[in-house]
Amino acid sequence: MEFIRSLLIIDKSNDESAQIKKQVMEKSSKFSVFTLSGRAHLAETVNENDTKYLFLNANIGKKEVFYILRFFTMLNEKNKSEIPIFFACEDYELLQEVLTDFSSLKKLQVLHTPLDIGDLVEKLYISAFGSTIDASKTKKGDLNVDLEFMNVFITSTIKTLAEMAQISELIHSSPILMSQVKEPLNIAISSKIMISSIYFKGSYYIAFPKETFFNFYEKVVMEKCTEINNDNKDFVSELANIIYGQCKKKFSDVGYNLDMVIPSIHLGEINYSVVVLIPFNSPFGKFYLAVAPGLI
């Protein structure tokens, strides 16, 4: 999993580099940003920081520009992959030479000059992360849910439930706002995990209708139940603990540590103004992951 993206800025202007770095870091804490004023230390900077995105300003001069683009062309051939390059150039003739001589760079984007830093930052963000869930029409205003962060919980849930219940395949639908769901969810019991991190602040739920919970409990525990009581409701907390443990490991593998949490039990429907829902289908019935941004 690639969670942190390394951006290299090569720009003769230290002030412009600093402005780009500042705005990129404000846009997303999942960028790490490094700056150079030319080709000096290029190879070690790229290799040490596993550069995934490059902003290159032609103000460093034609000789430097061609050297750097040749370096990345060779790097692409070596790695069998290409990084996006954002190239700012005021010199029309130089631009035409670059586009002709480096036509193999399919991910080279030319930026209008004078440079609009806000536009550059937006292009970088879209290139790195794609779009976010748009809930601009909700009462809470703009909703920005980190889809990568959410996807870790989705994949961990699939892995955990598949192993516990010997399910070969779990199918989930795309995330949707709970307020847009027309059919009743009939959620009876959930386990709630509260998270506060630089990437996400809010609560995750794994939520079951009653029959799905009974069926899943019977499959795993090998005991039949017909009502939710003190003997079986802790099962959802144990399940959430295992899922969260899987998530912690995945984040730890990329150098980011989540805090320890103690899941809590929630009975009945999830009542919060903005909830993102991921519906699952399973042999035991429907269940849901629910995300409530800001709720802790």
Protein backbone atom coordinates (compact mmCIF):
# COMPACT_ATOMS: atom_id res chain seq x y z
CA MET A 1 0.00 0.00 0.00
CA GLU A 2 1.36 3.43 -1.00
CA PHE A 3 0.07 5.82 1.63
CA ILE A 4 2.65 8.64 1.66
CA ARG A 5 3.55 10.23 -1.70
CA SER A 6 6.93 11.81 -2.22
CA LEU A 7 6.98 14.98 -4.34
CA LEU A 8 10.21 16.49 -5.66
CA ILE A 9 10.20 20.19 -6.56
CA ILE A 10 13.00 21.44 -8.79
CA ASP A 11 12.81 25.22 -9.09
CA LYS A 12 15.44 27.98 -9.18
CA SER A 13 13.20 30.20 -7.06
CA ASN A 14 13.42 29.25 -3.37
CA ASP A 15 10.38 31.40 -2.61
CA GLU A 16 8.25 29.61 -5.20
CA SER A 17 9.46 26.20 -3.98
CA ALA A 18 8.52 27.14 -0.44
CA GLN A 19 5.06 28.32 -1.50
CA ILE A 20 4.38 25.13 -3.46
CA LYS A 21 5.59 22.96 -0.57
CA LYS A 22 3.44 24.86 1.92
CA GLN A 23 0.27 24.60 -0.15
CA VAL A 24 0.84 20.93 -1.01
CA MET A 25 1.33 20.02 2.67
CA GLU A 26 -1.77 22.01 3.62
CA LYS A 27 -3.77 20.19 0.94
CA SER A 28 -2.81 16.75 2.22
CA SER A 29 -0.52 15.49 4.99
CA LYS A 30 0.02 12.38 2.86
CA PHE A 31 2.57 14.26 0.74
CA SER A 32 6.23 14.41 1.69
CA VAL A 33 7.94 17.23 -0.20
CA PHE A 34 11.60 17.72 -1.12
CA THR A 35 13.15 20.63 -3.01
CA LEU A 36 16.19 21.15 -5.25
CA SER A 37 17.34 24.18 -7.24
CA GLY A 38 18.94 22.10 -10.02
CA ARG A 39 20.37 18.70 -10.85
CA ALA A 40 22.83 18.61 -7.93
CA HIS A 41 21.98 15.69 -5.60
CA LEU A 42 19.19 14.59 -7.96
CA ALA A 43 19.90 10.85 -7.97
CA GLU A 44 20.32 10.50 -4.21
CA THR A 45 17.24 12.60 -3.48
CA VAL A 46 15.07 10.57 -5.86
CA ASN A 47 16.39 7.22 -4.61
CA GLU A 48 16.37 7.98 -0.89
CA ASN A 49 12.84 9.37 -0.92
CA ASP A 50 11.25 7.12 -3.55
CA THR A 51 10.03 10.08 -5.59
CA LYS A 52 6.56 9.55 -7.10
CA TYR A 53 5.81 13.06 -8.47
CA LEU A 54 8.00 15.77 -9.97
CA PHE A 55 7.44 19.49 -10.43
CA LEU A 56 10.06 20.92 -12.78
CA ASN A 57 10.40 24.61 -13.57
CA ALA A 58 12.30 25.53 -16.74
CA ASN A 59 13.76 28.56 -14.94
CA ILE A 60 16.69 26.29 -13.99
CA GLY A 61 17.89 26.46 -17.61
CA LYS A 62 17.71 24.30 -20.73
CA LYS A 63 20.83 22.23 -19.94
CA GLU A 64 19.52 21.34 -16.47
CA VAL A 65 16.02 20.60 -17.77
CA PHE A 66 17.29 18.18 -20.41
CA TYR A 67 19.59 16.44 -17.92
CA ILE A 68 16.73 15.93 -15.44
CA LEU A 69 14.28 14.71 -18.08
CA ARG A 70 16.87 12.27 -19.45
CA PHE A 71 17.43 11.01 -15.90
CA PHE A 72 13.71 10.33 -15.40
CA THR A 73 13.41 8.75 -18.84
CA MET A 74 16.13 6.25 -17.89
CA LEU A 75 14.54 5.74 -14.47
CA ASN A 76 11.19 4.96 -16.10
CA GLU A 77 12.83 2.37 -18.36
CA LYS A 78 14.62 0.80 -15.42
CA ASN A 79 11.54 0.62 -13.17
CA LYS A 80 9.06 -0.20 -15.96
CA SER A 81 6.81 2.58 -14.67
CA GLU A 82 6.47 6.31 -15.15
CA ILE A 83 5.99 9.07 -12.59
CA PRO A 84 3.86 12.14 -13.40
CA ILE A 85 5.96 15.21 -14.24
CA PHE A 86 4.49 18.72 -14.02
CA PHE A 87 6.55 21.05 -16.21
CA ALA A 88 6.32 24.85 -16.08
CA CYS A 89 7.92 26.69 -18.99
CA GLU A 90 7.66 30.25 -20.32
CA ASP A 91 9.97 29.67 -23.32
CA TYR A 92 7.85 28.42 -26.25
CA GLU A 93 10.84 27.16 -28.24
CA LEU A 94 12.22 25.25 -25.26
CA LEU A 95 8.79 23.77 -24.62
CA GLN A 96 8.54 22.51 -28.20
CA GLU A 97 12.03 20.95 -27.95
CA VAL A 98 11.06 19.18 -24.73
CA LEU A 99 7.81 17.84 -26.17
CA THR A 100 9.66 16.60 -29.27
CA ASP A 101 12.74 15.11 -27.62
CA PHE A 102 10.88 13.56 -24.68
CA SER A 103 7.75 12.34 -26.41
CA SER A 104 8.13 9.03 -24.54
CA LEU A 105 7.15 10.80 -21.29
CA LYS A 106 3.42 10.18 -21.51
CA LYS A 107 2.74 11.57 -18.02
CA LEU A 108 4.39 14.93 -18.63
CA GLN A 109 1.91 17.75 -18.04
CA VAL A 110 2.65 21.28 -19.24
CA LEU A 111 1.54 24.05 -16.88
CA HIS A 112 0.45 27.52 -17.92
CA THR A 113 2.78 30.34 -16.93
CA PRO A 114 2.95 32.49 -14.92
CA LEU A 115 2.45 29.54 -12.61
CA ASP A 116 -0.84 29.23 -10.74
CA ILE A 117 0.29 27.38 -7.59
CA GLY A 118 -3.27 26.58 -6.54
CA ASP A 119 -3.92 24.93 -9.91
CA LEU A 120 -0.66 22.95 -9.63
CA VAL A 121 -1.57 21.72 -6.14
CA GLU A 122 -5.02 20.65 -7.31
CA LYS A 123 -3.54 18.75 -10.27
CA LEU A 124 -1.04 17.03 -7.96
CA TYR A 125 -3.78 16.04 -5.55
CA ILE A 126 -6.02 14.60 -8.26
CA SER A 127 -3.08 12.73 -9.78
CA ALA A 128 -2.18 11.22 -6.40
CA PHE A 129 -5.55 10.52 -4.83
CA GLY A 130 -8.30 10.93 -7.40
CA SER A 131 -11.57 12.37 -6.12
CA THR A 132 -13.18 12.27 -2.70
CA ILE A 133 -16.75 11.54 -1.68
CA ASP A 134 -18.79 14.62 -2.50
CA ALA A 135 -21.42 15.50 0.04
CA SER A 136 -21.58 19.19 -0.77
CA LYS A 137 -25.35 19.08 -0.71
CA THR A 138 -25.56 17.83 2.87
CA LYS A 139 -26.34 20.10 5.80
CA LYS A 140 -22.79 19.63 7.05
CA GLY A 141 -21.33 21.17 3.89
CA ASP A 142 -18.34 19.73 2.10
CA LEU A 143 -17.42 16.22 3.15
CA ASN A 144 -13.88 15.07 2.52
CA VAL A 145 -13.45 11.41 3.42
CA ASP A 146 -10.08 9.86 2.76
CA LEU A 147 -10.96 6.96 0.46
CA GLU A 148 -7.58 5.29 0.94
CA PHE A 149 -7.97 5.34 4.70
CA MET A 150 -11.46 3.92 4.32
CA ASN A 151 -10.26 1.27 1.90
CA VAL A 152 -7.86 -0.13 4.52
CA PHE A 153 -10.87 -0.78 6.77
CA ILE A 154 -12.83 -2.32 3.92
CA THR A 155 -10.06 -4.76 2.97
CA SER A 156 -9.38 -5.60 6.63
CA THR A 157 -13.08 -6.30 7.21
CA ILE A 158 -13.24 -8.59 4.18
CA LYS A 159 -10.13 -10.48 5.27
CA THR A 160 -11.27 -10.88 8.88
CA LEU A 161 -14.84 -11.99 8.17
CA ALA A 162 -13.80 -14.27 5.34
CA GLU A 163 -11.33 -16.07 7.59
CA MET A 164 -13.62 -16.28 10.62
CA ALA A 165 -16.64 -17.57 8.73
CA GLN A 166 -14.85 -19.38 5.87
CA ILE A 167 -16.50 -17.11 3.31
CA SER A 168 -14.87 -17.35 -0.11
CA GLU A 169 -16.14 -14.00 -1.36
CA LEU A 170 -17.60 -10.85 0.13
CA ILE A 171 -19.07 -8.25 -2.20
CA HIS A 172 -19.49 -4.61 -1.23
CA SER A 173 -21.08 -1.68 -3.00
CA SER A 174 -19.52 1.75 -3.51
CA PRO A 175 -19.63 4.17 -0.56
CA ILE A 176 -22.84 6.14 -0.35
CA LEU A 177 -24.27 8.69 2.05
CA MET A 178 -26.67 7.00 4.47
CA SER A 179 -29.17 9.80 3.86
CA GLN A 180 -29.39 8.70 0.21
CA VAL A 181 -30.33 5.09 1.03
CA LYS A 182 -34.05 4.53 0.40
CA GLU A 183 -34.55 1.05 1.85
CA PRO A 184 -34.56 0.43 5.63
CA LEU A 185 -31.21 -0.77 6.98
CA ASN A 186 -32.61 -2.44 10.10
CA ILE A 187 -29.32 -2.12 11.96
CA ALA A 188 -29.60 -3.82 15.32
CA ILE A 189 -26.04 -3.95 16.68
CA SER A 190 -22.73 -2.30 15.81
CA SER A 191 -19.24 -1.99 17.13
CA LYS A 192 -17.86 1.54 17.09
CA ILE A 193 -14.18 2.46 16.72
CA MET A 194 -13.25 6.09 17.41
CA ILE A 195 -10.16 7.34 15.56
CA SER A 196 -8.32 10.64 15.82
CA SER A 197 -5.36 10.95 13.44
CA ILE A 198 -3.85 13.44 11.02
CA TYR A 199 -5.59 11.56 8.19
CA PHE A 200 -9.00 10.95 9.68
CA LYS A 201 -11.00 12.04 12.70
CA GLY A 202 -14.28 10.27 13.30
CA SER A 203 -15.88 6.92 13.98
CA TYR A 204 -16.01 3.65 12.09
CA TYR A 205 -18.83 1.17 12.66
CA ILE A 206 -19.30 -2.43 11.62
CA ALA A 207 -23.06 -2.77 11.72
CA PHE A 208 -25.37 -5.80 11.51
CA PRO A 209 -29.10 -6.30 11.09
CA LYS A 210 -30.36 -8.79 13.65
CA GLU A 211 -30.64 -11.84 11.38
CA THR A 212 -27.21 -11.30 9.84
CA PHE A 213 -25.70 -11.03 13.31
CA PHE A 214 -27.41 -14.25 14.45
CA ASN A 215 -26.29 -16.14 11.34
CA PHE A 216 -22.71 -14.93 11.56
CA TYR A 217 -22.49 -15.58 15.31
CA GLU A 218 -23.78 -19.13 14.88
CA LYS A 219 -21.27 -19.84 12.10
CA VAL A 220 -18.27 -18.57 14.08
CA VAL A 221 -19.18 -19.49 17.68
CA MET A 222 -21.22 -22.57 16.72
CA GLU A 223 -24.00 -21.57 19.10
CA LYS A 224 -27.50 -20.61 18.03
CA CYS A 225 -28.98 -17.36 19.33
CA THR A 226 -32.38 -15.75 18.86
CA GLU A 227 -31.89 -12.49 20.74
CA ILE A 228 -29.12 -9.98 21.39
CA ASN A 229 -28.07 -10.22 25.02
CA ASN A 230 -25.08 -9.93 27.35
CA ASP A 231 -23.90 -13.39 26.34
CA ASN A 232 -23.40 -12.55 22.68
CA LYS A 233 -23.22 -8.80 22.14
CA ASP A 234 -19.52 -8.63 23.07
CA PHE A 235 -18.90 -10.67 19.92
CA VAL A 236 -19.07 -7.52 17.75
CA SER A 237 -16.44 -5.79 19.91
CA GLU A 238 -14.11 -8.76 19.52
CA LEU A 239 -14.71 -8.67 15.78
CA ALA A 240 -13.93 -4.94 15.61
CA ASN A 241 -10.75 -5.50 17.63
CA ILE A 242 -9.51 -8.02 15.08
CA ILE A 243 -10.37 -5.75 12.13
CA TYR A 244 -8.68 -2.77 13.77
CA GLY A 245 -5.61 -4.90 14.47
CA GLN A 246 -5.40 -5.72 10.75
CA CYS A 247 -5.66 -2.00 9.95
CA LYS A 248 -2.93 -1.08 12.42
CA LYS A 249 -0.60 -3.60 10.84
CA LYS A 250 -1.21 -2.27 7.32
CA PHE A 251 -0.53 1.29 8.41
CA SER A 252 2.50 0.24 10.42
CA ASP A 253 3.94 -1.40 7.29
CA VAL A 254 4.07 2.03 5.62
CA GLY A 255 5.46 3.80 8.68
CA TYR A 256 2.29 5.21 10.22
CA ASN A 257 1.02 4.06 13.61
CA LEU A 258 -2.58 4.22 14.76
CA ASP A 259 -3.32 4.59 18.46
CA MET A 260 -4.79 1.75 20.46
CA VAL A 261 -8.57 1.95 20.81
CA ILE A 262 -11.25 0.05 22.71
CA PRO A 263 -14.33 -0.62 20.55
CA SER A 264 -17.71 0.14 22.07
CA ILE A 265 -21.07 -1.52 21.45
CA HIS A 266 -23.84 0.47 19.81
CA LEU A 267 -27.40 -0.88 19.72
CA GLY A 268 -29.94 0.23 17.13
CA GLU A 269 -29.66 2.55 14.17
CA ILE A 270 -26.72 4.90 13.70
CA ASN A 271 -28.11 8.40 14.14
CA TYR A 272 -25.64 11.04 12.97
CA SER A 273 -26.14 13.83 10.47
CA VAL A 274 -23.47 12.67 7.99
CA VAL A 275 -22.66 8.97 7.66
CA VAL A 276 -20.91 7.28 4.74
CA LEU A 277 -22.16 3.73 4.26
CA ILE A 278 -20.46 0.76 2.57
CA PRO A 279 -23.05 -2.03 2.11
CA PHE A 280 -21.87 -5.66 2.04
CA ASN A 281 -23.62 -8.79 0.84
CA SER A 282 -22.70 -12.14 2.39
CA PRO A 283 -24.11 -15.68 2.68
CA PHE A 284 -25.35 -14.64 6.13
CA GLY A 285 -27.15 -11.50 5.00
CA LYS A 286 -26.40 -7.82 4.55
CA PHE A 287 -24.13 -5.86 6.87
CA TYR A 288 -22.43 -2.47 6.70
CA LEU A 289 -19.34 -0.44 7.36
CA ALA A 290 -20.34 3.05 8.37
CA VAL A 291 -18.08 6.08 8.66
CA ALA A 292 -19.06 9.19 10.62
CA PRO A 293 -16.45 11.91 9.93
CA GLY A 294 -15.84 14.18 12.91
CA LEU A 295 -17.78 12.00 15.37
CA ILE A 296 -15.58 10.91 18.30
